[in-house]
Amino acid sequence: MIVQDELNQNVNMHMSETELLEILHFIRTKKEQEIDKIKSKINKYVQKKNAEETFYQSLSPMRKLFTGRSPSHHQAVEYIAHVKEPLQQIEHLKQGLFELNHSIRSLQEEHKKEITLSTSIFREVRKNHRMENFSS
């Protein structure tokens, strides 16, 4: 089977259909694991912040006065760094998963001699194909 890059049609690889499917499933699993890892980091951060807020609220008014609490703009920057940006990263990974699932479905439904993949998927397939060849 010929695997082509969507952007640069001159760049292509030759591999079996089953090998391509294995690589695509491996890439999908890797992306799903990365999404789960990012979600767990976000959850840990949110739990930590909730625990800090609960502790702060349990303090007496006098102790609250002497407790150093970061300004709200620092908390906003922290939220962006620990929650908003990772959520954007998850959305980007989900878009890649959607493309990947579409490629897998089209490969399973139609047995063609040639398939065109998006540039990002093509690069990952090529990288994993090379690694597989080195490990054999």
N, C-alpha and C. Protein backbone atom coordinates (compact mmCIF):
# COMPACT_ATOMS: atom_id res chain seq x y z
N MET A 1 0.84 -1.17 0.00
CA MET A 1 0.00 0.00 0.00
C MET A 1 0.89 1.24 0.00
N ILE A 2 0.46 2.25 -0.73
CA ILE A 2 1.19 3.51 -0.79
C ILE A 2 0.52 4.50 0.16
N VAL A 3 1.31 5.09 1.03
CA VAL A 3 0.82 6.08 1.99
C VAL A 3 1.39 7.42 1.57
N GLN A 4 0.49 8.39 1.29
CA GLN A 4 0.92 9.70 0.81
C GLN A 4 0.65 10.78 1.83
N ASP A 5 1.47 11.82 1.75
CA ASP A 5 1.28 13.02 2.55
C ASP A 5 0.25 13.91 1.84
N GLU A 6 -0.71 14.41 2.58
CA GLU A 6 -1.77 15.24 2.00
C GLU A 6 -1.22 16.52 1.38
N LEU A 7 -0.26 17.13 2.04
CA LEU A 7 0.27 18.41 1.60
C LEU A 7 1.27 18.25 0.46
N ASN A 8 2.17 17.30 0.60
CA ASN A 8 3.21 17.08 -0.40
C ASN A 8 3.01 15.70 -1.00
N GLN A 9 2.34 15.63 -2.13
CA GLN A 9 1.99 14.36 -2.76
C GLN A 9 3.21 13.57 -3.22
N ASN A 10 4.36 14.24 -3.35
CA ASN A 10 5.58 13.55 -3.79
C ASN A 10 6.17 12.68 -2.69
N VAL A 11 5.83 12.98 -1.46
CA VAL A 11 6.37 12.23 -0.32
C VAL A 11 5.43 11.06 -0.04
N ASN A 12 5.96 9.84 -0.13
CA ASN A 12 5.13 8.68 0.16
C ASN A 12 5.96 7.55 0.74
N MET A 13 5.26 6.56 1.29
CA MET A 13 5.90 5.38 1.88
C MET A 13 5.14 4.15 1.40
N HIS A 14 5.82 3.02 1.46
CA HIS A 14 5.18 1.75 1.12
C HIS A 14 5.17 0.87 2.37
N MET A 15 3.98 0.36 2.69
CA MET A 15 3.85 -0.56 3.82
C MET A 15 2.56 -1.34 3.65
N SER A 16 2.44 -2.43 4.39
CA SER A 16 1.23 -3.24 4.29
C SER A 16 0.08 -2.54 5.02
N GLU A 17 -1.13 -2.91 4.65
CA GLU A 17 -2.32 -2.32 5.26
C GLU A 17 -2.40 -2.64 6.75
N THR A 18 -2.08 -3.88 7.11
CA THR A 18 -2.14 -4.27 8.53
C THR A 18 -1.09 -3.51 9.34
N GLU A 19 0.08 -3.33 8.76
CA GLU A 19 1.13 -2.59 9.45
C GLU A 19 0.70 -1.14 9.68
N LEU A 20 0.09 -0.54 8.67
CA LEU A 20 -0.39 0.84 8.80
C LEU A 20 -1.48 0.93 9.86
N LEU A 21 -2.39 -0.03 9.87
CA LEU A 21 -3.44 -0.04 10.89
C LEU A 21 -2.86 -0.17 12.29
N GLU A 22 -1.87 -1.04 12.46
CA GLU A 22 -1.23 -1.20 13.77
C GLU A 22 -0.60 0.11 14.22
N ILE A 23 0.09 0.78 13.31
CA ILE A 23 0.74 2.05 13.66
C ILE A 23 -0.31 3.10 14.01
N LEU A 24 -1.39 3.18 13.24
CA LEU A 24 -2.44 4.16 13.51
C LEU A 24 -3.11 3.90 14.86
N HIS A 25 -3.35 2.62 15.19
CA HIS A 25 -3.93 2.28 16.49
C HIS A 25 -2.96 2.63 17.62
N PHE A 26 -1.67 2.40 17.40
CA PHE A 26 -0.65 2.74 18.40
C PHE A 26 -0.64 4.25 18.65
N ILE A 27 -0.69 5.03 17.57
CA ILE A 27 -0.70 6.49 17.70
C ILE A 27 -1.95 6.95 18.45
N ARG A 28 -3.10 6.34 18.13
CA ARG A 28 -4.35 6.70 18.79
C ARG A 28 -4.26 6.41 20.29
N THR A 29 -3.73 5.25 20.64
CA THR A 29 -3.58 4.89 22.06
C THR A 29 -2.67 5.88 22.77
N LYS A 30 -1.59 6.26 22.11
CA LYS A 30 -0.64 7.20 22.69
C LYS A 30 -1.30 8.55 22.95
N LYS A 31 -2.09 9.04 21.99
CA LYS A 31 -2.79 10.32 22.15
C LYS A 31 -3.83 10.24 23.28
N GLU A 32 -4.55 9.13 23.36
CA GLU A 32 -5.55 8.97 24.42
C GLU A 32 -4.88 8.96 25.80
N GLN A 33 -3.72 8.31 25.90
CA GLN A 33 -2.99 8.29 27.17
C GLN A 33 -2.51 9.69 27.53
N GLU A 34 -2.07 10.45 26.53
CA GLU A 34 -1.61 11.81 26.79
C GLU A 34 -2.77 12.68 27.28
N ILE A 35 -3.95 12.51 26.70
CA ILE A 35 -5.13 13.26 27.14
C ILE A 35 -5.46 12.91 28.59
N ASP A 36 -5.44 11.62 28.93
CA ASP A 36 -5.72 11.20 30.30
C ASP A 36 -4.70 11.77 31.28
N LYS A 37 -3.44 11.80 30.87
CA LYS A 37 -2.37 12.34 31.72
C LYS A 37 -2.59 13.83 31.99
N ILE A 38 -2.95 14.57 30.96
CA ILE A 38 -3.20 16.01 31.12
C ILE A 38 -4.42 16.24 32.00
N LYS A 39 -5.47 15.45 31.81
CA LYS A 39 -6.67 15.59 32.64
C LYS A 39 -6.37 15.32 34.11
N SER A 40 -5.52 14.32 34.37
CA SER A 40 -5.18 14.03 35.77
C SER A 40 -4.37 15.16 36.39
N LYS A 41 -3.49 15.80 35.60
CA LYS A 41 -2.73 16.95 36.11
C LYS A 41 -3.68 18.10 36.46
N ILE A 42 -4.66 18.34 35.59
CA ILE A 42 -5.63 19.41 35.85
C ILE A 42 -6.41 19.10 37.12
N ASN A 43 -6.86 17.85 37.27
CA ASN A 43 -7.62 17.46 38.47
C ASN A 43 -6.80 17.62 39.73
N LYS A 44 -5.51 17.24 39.69
CA LYS A 44 -4.65 17.42 40.86
C LYS A 44 -4.54 18.89 41.24
N TYR A 45 -4.37 19.75 40.23
CA TYR A 45 -4.25 21.18 40.50
C TYR A 45 -5.54 21.72 41.12
N VAL A 46 -6.68 21.34 40.55
CA VAL A 46 -7.97 21.82 41.06
C VAL A 46 -8.20 21.33 42.49
N GLN A 47 -7.87 20.07 42.78
CA GLN A 47 -8.02 19.55 44.14
C GLN A 47 -7.12 20.31 45.12
N LYS A 48 -5.90 20.60 44.69
CA LYS A 48 -4.96 21.34 45.54
C LYS A 48 -5.51 22.74 45.83
N LYS A 49 -6.01 23.41 44.81
CA LYS A 49 -6.56 24.76 45.00
C LYS A 49 -7.80 24.73 45.89
N ASN A 50 -8.65 23.73 45.71
CA ASN A 50 -9.84 23.61 46.56
C ASN A 50 -9.45 23.37 48.02
N ALA A 51 -8.43 22.54 48.24
CA ALA A 51 -7.96 22.28 49.60
C ALA A 51 -7.40 23.55 50.23
N GLU A 52 -6.63 24.32 49.45
CA GLU A 52 -6.08 25.58 49.96
C GLU A 52 -7.19 26.56 50.31
N GLU A 53 -8.20 26.64 49.45
CA GLU A 53 -9.32 27.56 49.69
C GLU A 53 -10.12 27.14 50.93
N THR A 54 -10.33 25.84 51.08
CA THR A 54 -11.04 25.33 52.26
C THR A 54 -10.27 25.65 53.53
N PHE A 55 -8.96 25.46 53.48
CA PHE A 55 -8.12 25.77 54.64
C PHE A 55 -8.20 27.26 54.96
N TYR A 56 -8.11 28.10 53.94
CA TYR A 56 -8.15 29.54 54.15
C TYR A 56 -9.48 29.97 54.76
N GLN A 57 -10.57 29.38 54.28
CA GLN A 57 -11.89 29.74 54.80
C GLN A 57 -12.09 29.27 56.24
N SER A 58 -11.36 28.23 56.64
CA SER A 58 -11.50 27.72 58.01
C SER A 58 -10.72 28.56 59.03
N LEU A 59 -9.86 29.44 58.56
CA LEU A 59 -9.08 30.28 59.47
C LEU A 59 -9.95 31.35 60.12
N SER A 60 -9.52 31.76 61.30
CA SER A 60 -10.22 32.85 61.99
C SER A 60 -9.91 34.16 61.24
N PRO A 61 -10.77 35.16 61.41
CA PRO A 61 -10.54 36.44 60.72
C PRO A 61 -9.17 37.06 61.03
N MET A 62 -8.71 36.86 62.26
CA MET A 62 -7.41 37.42 62.63
C MET A 62 -6.28 36.70 61.88
N ARG A 63 -6.37 35.38 61.79
CA ARG A 63 -5.34 34.63 61.07
C ARG A 63 -5.38 34.93 59.58
N LYS A 64 -6.59 35.14 59.05
CA LYS A 64 -6.70 35.48 57.63
C LYS A 64 -5.96 36.77 57.33
N LEU A 65 -5.99 37.67 58.30
CA LEU A 65 -5.32 38.96 58.13
C LEU A 65 -3.81 38.79 57.96
N PHE A 66 -3.23 37.82 58.68
CA PHE A 66 -1.79 37.62 58.64
C PHE A 66 -1.33 36.55 57.66
N THR A 67 -2.29 35.87 57.06
CA THR A 67 -1.93 34.82 56.11
C THR A 67 -1.64 35.44 54.75
N GLY A 68 -0.49 35.12 54.23
CA GLY A 68 -0.14 35.63 52.90
C GLY A 68 -0.92 34.89 51.83
N ARG A 69 -1.67 35.64 51.06
CA ARG A 69 -2.46 35.04 49.98
C ARG A 69 -2.08 35.76 48.69
N SER A 70 -1.84 34.99 47.65
CA SER A 70 -1.41 35.62 46.40
C SER A 70 -2.54 36.46 45.80
N PRO A 71 -2.17 37.57 45.17
CA PRO A 71 -3.17 38.45 44.57
C PRO A 71 -3.98 37.73 43.48
N SER A 72 -5.15 38.26 43.21
CA SER A 72 -6.05 37.59 42.26
C SER A 72 -5.45 37.49 40.86
N HIS A 73 -4.66 38.48 40.45
CA HIS A 73 -4.08 38.38 39.11
C HIS A 73 -3.03 37.26 39.05
N HIS A 74 -2.38 36.97 40.16
CA HIS A 74 -1.45 35.82 40.21
C HIS A 74 -2.24 34.52 40.10
N GLN A 75 -3.37 34.48 40.78
CA GLN A 75 -4.21 33.29 40.71
C GLN A 75 -4.74 33.08 39.29
N ALA A 76 -5.05 34.18 38.61
CA ALA A 76 -5.54 34.08 37.23
C ALA A 76 -4.46 33.53 36.30
N VAL A 77 -3.25 34.02 36.47
CA VAL A 77 -2.14 33.53 35.65
C VAL A 77 -1.88 32.05 35.94
N GLU A 78 -1.95 31.70 37.21
CA GLU A 78 -1.78 30.30 37.61
C GLU A 78 -2.86 29.42 36.98
N TYR A 79 -4.10 29.91 36.98
CA TYR A 79 -5.21 29.16 36.37
C TYR A 79 -4.96 28.96 34.87
N ILE A 80 -4.51 30.01 34.21
CA ILE A 80 -4.23 29.90 32.77
C ILE A 80 -3.16 28.86 32.52
N ALA A 81 -2.10 28.90 33.33
CA ALA A 81 -0.98 27.98 33.11
C ALA A 81 -1.33 26.54 33.45
N HIS A 82 -2.16 26.33 34.48
CA HIS A 82 -2.43 24.96 34.94
C HIS A 82 -3.74 24.37 34.44
N VAL A 83 -4.65 25.21 33.94
CA VAL A 83 -5.95 24.68 33.51
C VAL A 83 -6.27 25.04 32.06
N LYS A 84 -6.26 26.33 31.75
CA LYS A 84 -6.71 26.76 30.43
C LYS A 84 -5.82 26.25 29.30
N GLU A 85 -4.51 26.43 29.42
CA GLU A 85 -3.60 25.96 28.37
C GLU A 85 -3.64 24.44 28.20
N PRO A 86 -3.64 23.67 29.29
CA PRO A 86 -3.78 22.22 29.11
C PRO A 86 -5.11 21.82 28.46
N LEU A 87 -6.20 22.55 28.76
CA LEU A 87 -7.47 22.25 28.11
C LEU A 87 -7.40 22.52 26.60
N GLN A 88 -6.68 23.57 26.22
CA GLN A 88 -6.47 23.85 24.80
C GLN A 88 -5.64 22.74 24.16
N GLN A 89 -4.66 22.27 24.89
CA GLN A 89 -3.83 21.16 24.41
C GLN A 89 -4.68 19.90 24.22
N ILE A 90 -5.61 19.65 25.13
CA ILE A 90 -6.51 18.50 25.01
C ILE A 90 -7.38 18.64 23.77
N GLU A 91 -7.90 19.85 23.51
CA GLU A 91 -8.72 20.07 22.32
C GLU A 91 -7.92 19.80 21.04
N HIS A 92 -6.66 20.23 21.04
CA HIS A 92 -5.79 19.98 19.88
C HIS A 92 -5.58 18.48 19.69
N LEU A 93 -5.35 17.76 20.78
CA LEU A 93 -5.18 16.31 20.70
C LEU A 93 -6.46 15.61 20.24
N LYS A 94 -7.61 16.12 20.69
CA LYS A 94 -8.88 15.52 20.27
C LYS A 94 -9.13 15.73 18.78
N GLN A 95 -8.72 16.88 18.25
CA GLN A 95 -8.83 17.10 16.81
C GLN A 95 -7.96 16.10 16.05
N GLY A 96 -6.75 15.88 16.57
CA GLY A 96 -5.87 14.88 15.97
C GLY A 96 -6.47 13.49 16.04
N LEU A 97 -7.13 13.17 17.16
CA LEU A 97 -7.80 11.87 17.31
C LEU A 97 -8.94 11.72 16.31
N PHE A 98 -9.67 12.80 16.09
CA PHE A 98 -10.77 12.77 15.12
C PHE A 98 -10.23 12.44 13.73
N GLU A 99 -9.16 13.13 13.32
CA GLU A 99 -8.53 12.86 12.02
C GLU A 99 -8.04 11.43 11.95
N LEU A 100 -7.43 10.98 13.02
CA LEU A 100 -6.88 9.63 13.08
C LEU A 100 -7.99 8.59 12.97
N ASN A 101 -9.08 8.78 13.70
CA ASN A 101 -10.21 7.84 13.62
C ASN A 101 -10.82 7.83 12.22
N HIS A 102 -10.87 8.99 11.59
CA HIS A 102 -11.39 9.06 10.22
C HIS A 102 -10.49 8.26 9.27
N SER A 103 -9.19 8.39 9.43
CA SER A 103 -8.25 7.64 8.58
C SER A 103 -8.37 6.14 8.82
N ILE A 104 -8.50 5.74 10.08
CA ILE A 104 -8.63 4.32 10.41
C ILE A 104 -9.92 3.76 9.81
N ARG A 105 -11.02 4.51 9.97
CA ARG A 105 -12.30 4.06 9.42
C ARG A 105 -12.24 3.91 7.90
N SER A 106 -11.67 4.91 7.23
CA SER A 106 -11.61 4.84 5.77
C SER A 106 -10.71 3.70 5.31
N LEU A 107 -9.67 3.41 6.07
CA LEU A 107 -8.77 2.31 5.72
C LEU A 107 -9.46 0.96 5.92
N GLN A 108 -10.26 0.84 6.96
CA GLN A 108 -10.95 -0.42 7.24
C GLN A 108 -12.12 -0.66 6.28
N GLU A 109 -12.81 0.41 5.89
CA GLU A 109 -13.97 0.26 5.02
C GLU A 109 -13.60 0.02 3.56
N GLU A 110 -12.65 0.79 3.08
CA GLU A 110 -12.27 0.71 1.67
C GLU A 110 -10.84 0.18 1.58
N HIS A 111 -10.68 -0.93 0.95
CA HIS A 111 -9.35 -1.51 0.78
C HIS A 111 -8.75 -0.97 -0.50
N LYS A 112 -7.97 0.10 -0.35
CA LYS A 112 -7.37 0.77 -1.50
C LYS A 112 -5.89 0.42 -1.58
N LYS A 113 -5.32 0.74 -2.71
CA LYS A 113 -3.88 0.56 -2.91
C LYS A 113 -3.12 1.79 -2.42
N GLU A 114 -3.85 2.89 -2.21
CA GLU A 114 -3.22 4.15 -1.87
C GLU A 114 -4.10 4.90 -0.87
N ILE A 115 -3.46 5.53 0.10
CA ILE A 115 -4.20 6.35 1.07
C ILE A 115 -3.45 7.65 1.30
N THR A 116 -4.20 8.73 1.45
CA THR A 116 -3.62 10.04 1.71
C THR A 116 -3.93 10.42 3.15
N LEU A 117 -2.88 10.73 3.90
CA LEU A 117 -3.03 11.10 5.31
C LEU A 117 -2.67 12.57 5.50
N SER A 118 -3.23 13.19 6.53
CA SER A 118 -2.85 14.56 6.84
C SER A 118 -1.37 14.60 7.20
N THR A 119 -0.77 15.75 7.05
CA THR A 119 0.67 15.88 7.25
C THR A 119 1.09 15.46 8.66
N SER A 120 0.33 15.85 9.67
CA SER A 120 0.70 15.51 11.05
C SER A 120 0.65 14.00 11.27
N ILE A 121 -0.40 13.35 10.77
CA ILE A 121 -0.51 11.89 10.93
C ILE A 121 0.58 11.20 10.13
N PHE A 122 0.84 11.69 8.92
CA PHE A 122 1.87 11.09 8.08
C PHE A 122 3.23 11.13 8.78
N ARG A 123 3.55 12.27 9.41
CA ARG A 123 4.83 12.38 10.13
C ARG A 123 4.91 11.37 11.27
N GLU A 124 3.82 11.23 12.01
CA GLU A 124 3.82 10.28 13.13
C GLU A 124 3.94 8.84 12.63
N VAL A 125 3.25 8.53 11.53
CA VAL A 125 3.34 7.18 10.96
C VAL A 125 4.76 6.91 10.51
N ARG A 126 5.38 7.88 9.84
CA ARG A 126 6.75 7.71 9.36
C ARG A 126 7.71 7.52 10.54
N LYS A 127 7.54 8.32 11.58
CA LYS A 127 8.41 8.21 12.76
C LYS A 127 8.25 6.83 13.41
N ASN A 128 7.02 6.39 13.59
CA ASN A 128 6.78 5.08 14.22
C ASN A 128 7.22 3.93 13.32
N HIS A 129 7.08 4.10 12.02
CA HIS A 129 7.52 3.07 11.07
C HIS A 129 9.04 2.90 11.15
N ARG A 130 9.75 4.02 11.22
CA ARG A 130 11.22 3.97 11.34
C ARG A 130 11.63 3.31 12.65
N MET A 131 10.95 3.68 13.75
CA MET A 131 11.29 3.09 15.05
C MET A 131 11.03 1.59 15.03
N GLU A 132 9.96 1.18 14.38
CA GLU A 132 9.62 -0.24 14.30
C GLU A 132 10.69 -0.98 13.50
N ASN A 133 11.20 -0.35 12.45
CA ASN A 133 12.25 -0.98 11.64
C ASN A 133 13.55 -1.10 12.42
N PHE A 134 13.86 -0.10 13.27
CA PHE A 134 15.08 -0.17 14.06
C PHE A 134 14.99 -1.23 15.14
N SER A 135 13.79 -1.41 15.71
CA SER A 135 13.64 -2.38 16.80
C SER A 135 13.59 -3.81 16.29
N SER A 136 13.29 -4.02 15.01
CA SER A 136 13.22 -5.38 14.46
C SER A 136 14.59 -5.96 14.22
